[in-house]
N, C-alpha and C. Protein backbone atom coordinates (compact mmCIF):
# COMPACT_ATOMS: atom_id res chain seq x y z
N MET A 1 4.40 -4.80 -28.28
CA MET A 1 4.68 -5.96 -27.44
C MET A 1 3.89 -5.82 -26.15
N PHE A 2 3.01 -6.77 -25.89
CA PHE A 2 2.15 -6.72 -24.71
C PHE A 2 2.68 -7.68 -23.66
N ARG A 3 3.04 -7.12 -22.50
CA ARG A 3 3.59 -7.91 -21.40
C ARG A 3 2.91 -7.55 -20.10
N GLY A 4 2.99 -8.47 -19.16
CA GLY A 4 2.49 -8.21 -17.82
C GLY A 4 1.11 -8.77 -17.58
N ALA A 5 0.80 -8.93 -16.30
CA ALA A 5 -0.51 -9.43 -15.87
C ALA A 5 -1.14 -8.37 -14.98
N THR A 6 -2.40 -8.05 -15.27
CA THR A 6 -3.11 -7.00 -14.54
C THR A 6 -4.49 -7.50 -14.12
N SER A 7 -4.81 -7.30 -12.86
CA SER A 7 -6.15 -7.63 -12.37
C SER A 7 -7.08 -6.48 -12.73
N LEU A 8 -8.22 -6.82 -13.32
CA LEU A 8 -9.20 -5.82 -13.76
C LEU A 8 -10.57 -6.16 -13.22
N ASN A 9 -11.42 -5.16 -13.11
CA ASN A 9 -12.80 -5.36 -12.70
C ASN A 9 -13.72 -5.13 -13.90
N LEU A 10 -14.69 -6.00 -14.04
CA LEU A 10 -15.74 -5.80 -15.05
C LEU A 10 -16.88 -5.05 -14.38
N ASP A 11 -17.45 -4.08 -15.08
CA ASP A 11 -18.59 -3.38 -14.53
C ASP A 11 -19.86 -4.18 -14.80
N ALA A 12 -21.00 -3.66 -14.38
CA ALA A 12 -22.28 -4.37 -14.50
C ALA A 12 -22.65 -4.65 -15.95
N LYS A 13 -22.13 -3.86 -16.89
CA LYS A 13 -22.44 -4.06 -18.31
C LYS A 13 -21.43 -4.99 -18.99
N GLY A 14 -20.43 -5.45 -18.26
CA GLY A 14 -19.43 -6.34 -18.84
C GLY A 14 -18.27 -5.61 -19.49
N ARG A 15 -18.05 -4.35 -19.11
CA ARG A 15 -16.93 -3.58 -19.66
C ARG A 15 -15.75 -3.65 -18.71
N LEU A 16 -14.56 -3.59 -19.28
CA LEU A 16 -13.36 -3.50 -18.47
C LEU A 16 -12.47 -2.41 -19.05
N ALA A 17 -11.77 -1.73 -18.16
CA ALA A 17 -10.87 -0.65 -18.57
C ALA A 17 -9.50 -1.24 -18.87
N VAL A 18 -9.02 -1.04 -20.08
CA VAL A 18 -7.69 -1.50 -20.47
C VAL A 18 -6.66 -0.58 -19.82
N PRO A 19 -5.63 -1.14 -19.19
CA PRO A 19 -4.60 -0.29 -18.58
C PRO A 19 -4.02 0.70 -19.59
N SER A 20 -3.70 1.90 -19.13
CA SER A 20 -3.31 2.98 -20.04
C SER A 20 -2.09 2.64 -20.89
N LYS A 21 -1.11 1.93 -20.35
CA LYS A 21 0.07 1.60 -21.16
C LYS A 21 -0.31 0.72 -22.35
N HIS A 22 -1.25 -0.18 -22.16
CA HIS A 22 -1.70 -1.04 -23.26
C HIS A 22 -2.68 -0.29 -24.16
N ARG A 23 -3.51 0.54 -23.56
CA ARG A 23 -4.48 1.32 -24.32
C ARG A 23 -3.77 2.19 -25.36
N ASP A 24 -2.73 2.88 -24.92
CA ASP A 24 -1.98 3.74 -25.84
C ASP A 24 -1.37 2.94 -26.99
N ALA A 25 -0.83 1.77 -26.67
CA ALA A 25 -0.23 0.92 -27.71
C ALA A 25 -1.31 0.41 -28.67
N LEU A 26 -2.47 0.04 -28.14
CA LEU A 26 -3.55 -0.45 -29.00
C LEU A 26 -4.11 0.65 -29.89
N LEU A 27 -4.20 1.85 -29.37
CA LEU A 27 -4.68 2.96 -30.18
C LEU A 27 -3.68 3.27 -31.30
N ALA A 28 -2.39 3.21 -30.98
CA ALA A 28 -1.36 3.48 -31.99
C ALA A 28 -1.29 2.37 -33.03
N GLN A 29 -1.43 1.13 -32.58
CA GLN A 29 -1.25 -0.03 -33.47
C GLN A 29 -2.46 -0.29 -34.36
N CYS A 30 -3.67 -0.11 -33.82
CA CYS A 30 -4.86 -0.52 -34.58
C CYS A 30 -6.05 0.41 -34.39
N ALA A 31 -5.79 1.61 -33.90
CA ALA A 31 -6.85 2.60 -33.66
C ALA A 31 -7.95 2.04 -32.75
N GLY A 32 -7.59 1.11 -31.87
CA GLY A 32 -8.56 0.54 -30.93
C GLY A 32 -9.48 -0.52 -31.51
N HIS A 33 -9.21 -0.97 -32.74
CA HIS A 33 -10.01 -2.03 -33.37
C HIS A 33 -9.42 -3.38 -32.96
N LEU A 34 -10.21 -4.17 -32.25
CA LEU A 34 -9.73 -5.40 -31.65
C LEU A 34 -10.63 -6.57 -32.03
N VAL A 35 -10.11 -7.76 -31.81
CA VAL A 35 -10.90 -8.98 -31.96
C VAL A 35 -10.78 -9.75 -30.65
N LEU A 36 -11.91 -10.16 -30.11
CA LEU A 36 -11.98 -10.94 -28.88
C LEU A 36 -12.61 -12.28 -29.23
N THR A 37 -11.97 -13.37 -28.80
CA THR A 37 -12.49 -14.69 -29.13
C THR A 37 -12.18 -15.69 -28.01
N ALA A 38 -12.74 -16.87 -28.15
CA ALA A 38 -12.58 -17.94 -27.17
C ALA A 38 -11.30 -18.74 -27.44
N HIS A 39 -10.74 -19.29 -26.38
CA HIS A 39 -9.56 -20.16 -26.46
C HIS A 39 -9.93 -21.51 -25.82
N PRO A 40 -9.37 -22.62 -26.32
CA PRO A 40 -9.72 -23.92 -25.74
C PRO A 40 -9.44 -24.06 -24.23
N HIS A 41 -8.58 -23.22 -23.67
CA HIS A 41 -8.30 -23.29 -22.23
C HIS A 41 -9.33 -22.54 -21.39
N ARG A 42 -10.41 -22.11 -22.01
CA ARG A 42 -11.51 -21.40 -21.35
C ARG A 42 -11.13 -19.99 -20.92
N CYS A 43 -10.16 -19.40 -21.59
CA CYS A 43 -9.90 -17.99 -21.43
C CYS A 43 -10.30 -17.32 -22.74
N LEU A 44 -10.14 -16.02 -22.82
CA LEU A 44 -10.41 -15.29 -24.05
C LEU A 44 -9.10 -14.76 -24.61
N LEU A 45 -9.05 -14.60 -25.92
CA LEU A 45 -7.91 -14.02 -26.60
C LEU A 45 -8.32 -12.65 -27.12
N LEU A 46 -7.47 -11.66 -26.90
CA LEU A 46 -7.72 -10.31 -27.36
C LEU A 46 -6.57 -9.90 -28.28
N TYR A 47 -6.90 -9.70 -29.56
CA TYR A 47 -5.91 -9.36 -30.58
C TYR A 47 -6.19 -7.99 -31.18
N PRO A 48 -5.14 -7.23 -31.49
CA PRO A 48 -5.34 -6.10 -32.40
C PRO A 48 -5.86 -6.69 -33.72
N GLN A 49 -6.84 -6.04 -34.33
CA GLN A 49 -7.47 -6.62 -35.52
C GLN A 49 -6.46 -6.99 -36.61
N PRO A 50 -5.47 -6.15 -36.93
CA PRO A 50 -4.52 -6.54 -37.99
C PRO A 50 -3.72 -7.81 -37.66
N ALA A 51 -3.46 -8.05 -36.38
CA ALA A 51 -2.73 -9.26 -35.98
C ALA A 51 -3.63 -10.49 -36.05
N TRP A 52 -4.92 -10.31 -35.87
CA TRP A 52 -5.87 -11.42 -35.90
C TRP A 52 -6.12 -11.94 -37.30
N GLU A 53 -6.18 -11.06 -38.29
CA GLU A 53 -6.58 -11.44 -39.64
C GLU A 53 -5.78 -12.62 -40.21
N PRO A 54 -4.44 -12.63 -40.14
CA PRO A 54 -3.72 -13.80 -40.68
C PRO A 54 -3.99 -15.09 -39.89
N ILE A 55 -4.25 -14.96 -38.60
CA ILE A 55 -4.57 -16.14 -37.80
C ILE A 55 -5.90 -16.72 -38.26
N GLN A 56 -6.89 -15.87 -38.42
CA GLN A 56 -8.19 -16.34 -38.90
C GLN A 56 -8.05 -16.98 -40.28
N SER A 57 -7.28 -16.37 -41.13
CA SER A 57 -7.07 -16.92 -42.48
C SER A 57 -6.45 -18.32 -42.41
N ASN A 58 -5.45 -18.48 -41.55
CA ASN A 58 -4.80 -19.79 -41.39
C ASN A 58 -5.76 -20.83 -40.84
N VAL A 59 -6.54 -20.46 -39.85
CA VAL A 59 -7.49 -21.40 -39.25
C VAL A 59 -8.54 -21.81 -40.28
N MET A 60 -9.02 -20.84 -41.04
CA MET A 60 -10.07 -21.15 -42.01
C MET A 60 -9.55 -21.90 -43.24
N SER A 61 -8.23 -21.93 -43.42
CA SER A 61 -7.67 -22.69 -44.54
C SER A 61 -7.57 -24.18 -44.22
N LEU A 62 -7.79 -24.54 -42.95
CA LEU A 62 -7.78 -25.95 -42.56
C LEU A 62 -9.03 -26.64 -43.09
N SER A 63 -8.95 -27.94 -43.26
CA SER A 63 -10.08 -28.70 -43.79
C SER A 63 -11.25 -28.72 -42.82
N SER A 64 -12.41 -28.37 -43.31
CA SER A 64 -13.61 -28.43 -42.48
C SER A 64 -14.10 -29.86 -42.31
N PHE A 65 -13.50 -30.81 -43.03
CA PHE A 65 -13.87 -32.22 -42.90
C PHE A 65 -13.09 -32.92 -41.79
N ASP A 66 -12.02 -32.28 -41.32
CA ASP A 66 -11.25 -32.82 -40.21
C ASP A 66 -11.93 -32.38 -38.91
N LYS A 67 -12.24 -33.33 -38.03
CA LYS A 67 -13.00 -33.02 -36.82
C LYS A 67 -12.28 -32.02 -35.92
N GLN A 68 -10.98 -32.18 -35.73
CA GLN A 68 -10.24 -31.27 -34.86
C GLN A 68 -10.15 -29.87 -35.48
N SER A 69 -9.92 -29.81 -36.77
CA SER A 69 -9.83 -28.52 -37.45
C SER A 69 -11.16 -27.79 -37.41
N SER A 70 -12.22 -28.49 -37.70
CA SER A 70 -13.54 -27.82 -37.70
C SER A 70 -13.94 -27.40 -36.29
N ALA A 71 -13.56 -28.17 -35.29
CA ALA A 71 -13.86 -27.77 -33.92
C ALA A 71 -13.09 -26.49 -33.56
N LEU A 72 -11.85 -26.42 -33.99
CA LEU A 72 -11.05 -25.21 -33.75
C LEU A 72 -11.62 -24.01 -34.50
N GLN A 73 -12.07 -24.22 -35.73
CA GLN A 73 -12.69 -23.14 -36.50
C GLN A 73 -13.94 -22.63 -35.79
N ARG A 74 -14.77 -23.56 -35.31
CA ARG A 74 -16.00 -23.15 -34.63
C ARG A 74 -15.70 -22.33 -33.39
N LEU A 75 -14.67 -22.74 -32.67
CA LEU A 75 -14.33 -22.06 -31.43
C LEU A 75 -13.69 -20.70 -31.70
N LEU A 76 -12.58 -20.70 -32.43
CA LEU A 76 -11.82 -19.46 -32.63
C LEU A 76 -12.54 -18.45 -33.51
N VAL A 77 -13.07 -18.88 -34.63
CA VAL A 77 -13.73 -17.95 -35.55
C VAL A 77 -15.20 -17.77 -35.19
N GLY A 78 -15.82 -18.85 -34.74
CA GLY A 78 -17.23 -18.77 -34.39
C GLY A 78 -17.51 -17.81 -33.24
N TYR A 79 -16.61 -17.74 -32.29
CA TYR A 79 -16.78 -16.84 -31.15
C TYR A 79 -16.15 -15.46 -31.39
N ALA A 80 -15.38 -15.29 -32.45
CA ALA A 80 -14.65 -14.04 -32.67
C ALA A 80 -15.62 -12.87 -32.83
N GLU A 81 -15.32 -11.79 -32.12
CA GLU A 81 -16.12 -10.58 -32.19
C GLU A 81 -15.22 -9.38 -32.43
N ASP A 82 -15.63 -8.53 -33.36
CA ASP A 82 -14.94 -7.26 -33.57
C ASP A 82 -15.42 -6.30 -32.50
N ILE A 83 -14.47 -5.74 -31.77
CA ILE A 83 -14.82 -4.77 -30.72
C ILE A 83 -13.91 -3.56 -30.86
N GLU A 84 -14.31 -2.48 -30.22
CA GLU A 84 -13.51 -1.26 -30.23
C GLU A 84 -13.39 -0.72 -28.82
N LEU A 85 -12.23 -0.11 -28.54
CA LEU A 85 -12.10 0.61 -27.28
C LEU A 85 -13.02 1.82 -27.34
N ASP A 86 -13.74 2.07 -26.25
CA ASP A 86 -14.59 3.26 -26.24
C ASP A 86 -13.76 4.48 -25.84
N GLY A 87 -14.39 5.62 -25.76
CA GLY A 87 -13.68 6.87 -25.45
C GLY A 87 -13.00 6.88 -24.10
N ALA A 88 -13.45 6.01 -23.19
CA ALA A 88 -12.85 5.91 -21.86
C ALA A 88 -11.81 4.79 -21.79
N GLY A 89 -11.47 4.18 -22.94
CA GLY A 89 -10.48 3.11 -22.95
C GLY A 89 -10.99 1.78 -22.44
N ARG A 90 -12.31 1.59 -22.54
CA ARG A 90 -12.90 0.33 -22.08
C ARG A 90 -13.27 -0.53 -23.27
N LEU A 91 -13.36 -1.82 -23.01
CA LEU A 91 -13.89 -2.72 -24.03
C LEU A 91 -15.03 -3.51 -23.42
N LEU A 92 -16.00 -3.82 -24.27
CA LEU A 92 -17.20 -4.54 -23.84
C LEU A 92 -17.04 -6.02 -24.18
N VAL A 93 -17.15 -6.86 -23.16
CA VAL A 93 -17.11 -8.31 -23.35
C VAL A 93 -18.55 -8.78 -23.43
N SER A 94 -18.90 -9.40 -24.54
CA SER A 94 -20.29 -9.83 -24.76
C SER A 94 -20.71 -10.88 -23.73
N PRO A 95 -22.01 -11.01 -23.51
CA PRO A 95 -22.49 -12.05 -22.59
C PRO A 95 -22.04 -13.46 -23.00
N ALA A 96 -22.02 -13.76 -24.30
CA ALA A 96 -21.60 -15.10 -24.75
C ALA A 96 -20.15 -15.38 -24.37
N LEU A 97 -19.27 -14.42 -24.56
CA LEU A 97 -17.87 -14.62 -24.23
C LEU A 97 -17.64 -14.59 -22.71
N ARG A 98 -18.39 -13.76 -21.99
CA ARG A 98 -18.28 -13.77 -20.52
C ARG A 98 -18.69 -15.13 -19.98
N GLU A 99 -19.76 -15.70 -20.53
CA GLU A 99 -20.22 -17.02 -20.10
C GLU A 99 -19.18 -18.08 -20.44
N PHE A 100 -18.64 -18.04 -21.65
CA PHE A 100 -17.65 -19.04 -22.07
C PHE A 100 -16.47 -19.07 -21.10
N ALA A 101 -15.94 -17.90 -20.75
CA ALA A 101 -14.74 -17.82 -19.91
C ALA A 101 -15.06 -17.75 -18.42
N GLY A 102 -16.34 -17.70 -18.06
CA GLY A 102 -16.71 -17.61 -16.65
C GLY A 102 -16.34 -16.27 -16.02
N LEU A 103 -16.36 -15.21 -16.82
CA LEU A 103 -16.00 -13.89 -16.30
C LEU A 103 -17.17 -13.30 -15.55
N GLU A 104 -16.89 -12.83 -14.35
CA GLU A 104 -17.92 -12.19 -13.55
C GLU A 104 -17.45 -10.80 -13.15
N LYS A 105 -16.89 -10.66 -11.97
CA LYS A 105 -16.49 -9.33 -11.49
C LYS A 105 -15.00 -9.06 -11.74
N GLN A 106 -14.15 -10.03 -11.46
CA GLN A 106 -12.72 -9.84 -11.59
C GLN A 106 -12.16 -10.69 -12.72
N ALA A 107 -11.16 -10.14 -13.41
CA ALA A 107 -10.50 -10.86 -14.49
C ALA A 107 -9.01 -10.52 -14.48
N MET A 108 -8.23 -11.35 -15.11
CA MET A 108 -6.80 -11.10 -15.29
C MET A 108 -6.54 -10.88 -16.77
N LEU A 109 -5.88 -9.78 -17.10
CA LEU A 109 -5.45 -9.48 -18.46
C LEU A 109 -3.97 -9.79 -18.51
N VAL A 110 -3.59 -10.76 -19.36
CA VAL A 110 -2.22 -11.27 -19.37
C VAL A 110 -1.62 -11.06 -20.75
N GLY A 111 -0.57 -10.25 -20.82
CA GLY A 111 0.10 -9.98 -22.08
C GLY A 111 0.81 -11.21 -22.60
N GLN A 112 0.69 -11.45 -23.89
CA GLN A 112 1.32 -12.61 -24.54
C GLN A 112 2.12 -12.16 -25.77
N GLY A 113 2.71 -10.99 -25.70
CA GLY A 113 3.51 -10.49 -26.82
C GLY A 113 2.64 -9.79 -27.85
N SER A 114 2.07 -10.56 -28.76
CA SER A 114 1.27 -9.99 -29.84
C SER A 114 -0.20 -9.81 -29.47
N HIS A 115 -0.61 -10.36 -28.34
CA HIS A 115 -2.01 -10.33 -27.94
C HIS A 115 -2.12 -10.50 -26.43
N PHE A 116 -3.35 -10.57 -25.94
CA PHE A 116 -3.62 -10.78 -24.52
C PHE A 116 -4.48 -12.01 -24.33
N GLU A 117 -4.37 -12.58 -23.14
CA GLU A 117 -5.34 -13.55 -22.66
C GLU A 117 -6.15 -12.85 -21.57
N LEU A 118 -7.43 -13.17 -21.51
CA LEU A 118 -8.32 -12.63 -20.49
C LEU A 118 -8.91 -13.82 -19.73
N TRP A 119 -8.60 -13.89 -18.45
CA TRP A 119 -8.95 -15.05 -17.63
C TRP A 119 -9.91 -14.69 -16.51
N ASN A 120 -10.79 -15.60 -16.17
CA ASN A 120 -11.51 -15.57 -14.91
C ASN A 120 -10.45 -15.63 -13.82
N ILE A 121 -10.57 -14.82 -12.79
CA ILE A 121 -9.52 -14.71 -11.77
C ILE A 121 -9.23 -16.05 -11.09
N GLU A 122 -10.26 -16.83 -10.82
CA GLU A 122 -10.04 -18.14 -10.17
C GLU A 122 -9.40 -19.14 -11.13
N ALA A 123 -9.79 -19.10 -12.39
CA ALA A 123 -9.17 -19.99 -13.38
C ALA A 123 -7.70 -19.62 -13.56
N TRP A 124 -7.40 -18.33 -13.51
CA TRP A 124 -6.00 -17.88 -13.62
C TRP A 124 -5.19 -18.40 -12.44
N ARG A 125 -5.74 -18.28 -11.25
CA ARG A 125 -5.03 -18.78 -10.06
C ARG A 125 -4.80 -20.29 -10.14
N ALA A 126 -5.81 -21.02 -10.63
CA ALA A 126 -5.66 -22.47 -10.78
C ALA A 126 -4.59 -22.79 -11.83
N GLN A 127 -4.56 -22.03 -12.91
CA GLN A 127 -3.55 -22.20 -13.95
C GLN A 127 -2.15 -21.99 -13.36
N LEU A 128 -1.98 -20.92 -12.60
CA LEU A 128 -0.69 -20.66 -11.96
C LEU A 128 -0.30 -21.77 -11.00
N GLU A 129 -1.26 -22.26 -10.25
CA GLU A 129 -0.99 -23.33 -9.29
C GLU A 129 -0.51 -24.59 -10.01
N ARG A 130 -1.13 -24.93 -11.15
CA ARG A 130 -0.68 -26.10 -11.92
C ARG A 130 0.75 -25.90 -12.41
N VAL A 131 1.07 -24.72 -12.87
CA VAL A 131 2.41 -24.44 -13.35
C VAL A 131 3.41 -24.54 -12.20
N MET A 132 3.07 -23.93 -11.08
CA MET A 132 4.00 -23.90 -9.94
C MET A 132 4.18 -25.29 -9.31
N SER A 133 3.18 -26.15 -9.42
CA SER A 133 3.30 -27.49 -8.86
C SER A 133 4.09 -28.42 -9.77
N GLY A 134 4.38 -27.96 -10.98
CA GLY A 134 5.16 -28.76 -11.90
C GLY A 134 4.34 -29.62 -12.84
N ASP A 135 3.01 -29.61 -12.72
CA ASP A 135 2.16 -30.43 -13.57
C ASP A 135 2.26 -30.05 -15.05
N ASP A 136 2.48 -28.77 -15.33
CA ASP A 136 2.52 -28.28 -16.72
C ASP A 136 3.92 -27.85 -17.14
N MET A 137 4.96 -28.37 -16.50
CA MET A 137 6.30 -27.85 -16.75
C MET A 137 7.12 -28.63 -17.77
N SER A 138 6.58 -29.62 -18.42
CA SER A 138 7.35 -30.32 -19.43
C SER A 138 7.47 -29.41 -20.65
N LEU A 139 8.68 -29.28 -21.15
CA LEU A 139 8.94 -28.39 -22.29
C LEU A 139 8.73 -29.13 -23.60
N PRO A 140 8.22 -28.44 -24.59
CA PRO A 140 8.10 -29.07 -25.91
C PRO A 140 9.48 -29.31 -26.51
N ASN A 141 9.56 -30.23 -27.46
CA ASN A 141 10.84 -30.59 -28.07
C ASN A 141 11.57 -29.38 -28.64
N GLU A 142 10.81 -28.39 -29.16
CA GLU A 142 11.42 -27.20 -29.75
C GLU A 142 12.25 -26.42 -28.74
N LEU A 143 11.98 -26.60 -27.46
CA LEU A 143 12.69 -25.83 -26.43
C LEU A 143 13.74 -26.65 -25.69
N GLU A 144 14.06 -27.81 -26.20
CA GLU A 144 15.10 -28.62 -25.56
C GLU A 144 16.39 -27.82 -25.47
N GLY A 145 16.96 -27.77 -24.31
CA GLY A 145 18.19 -27.02 -24.08
C GLY A 145 17.97 -25.55 -23.80
N PHE A 146 16.72 -25.10 -23.79
CA PHE A 146 16.40 -23.70 -23.52
C PHE A 146 16.69 -23.37 -22.06
N SER A 147 17.24 -22.19 -21.81
CA SER A 147 17.44 -21.76 -20.44
C SER A 147 17.14 -20.27 -20.33
N LEU A 148 16.83 -19.86 -19.11
CA LEU A 148 16.57 -18.45 -18.84
C LEU A 148 17.74 -17.85 -18.10
């Protein structure tokens, strides 16, 4: 279970150090074999490879003749890259994915339970501001009556 938000720095080669608590879990869960891909919100998704495989299978089972489905396939599977944690617990974000998400020096790694989101720091702040201002606070029907 991946939780929490952590500010990280990318080095000149586009590598970032995964926090040790998550690194240990990723090594235990998938031996450091990960999948990094694009998300429609202009962030990146980081999955342990075994957790990604059924998602990719589901996405690819959608009709390629449907415009929305094929666009999602191009984005999620087209950008998907197999990556591994290196010996220092770092992962390399490719130039294509760094460009897609606007990652430069600082990024936010945000746990989402089964995976992480990786955000450009300014995009993350803007996302939080929208949530805090109430613009994104309408709950889906499935959560009607939900309380914390």
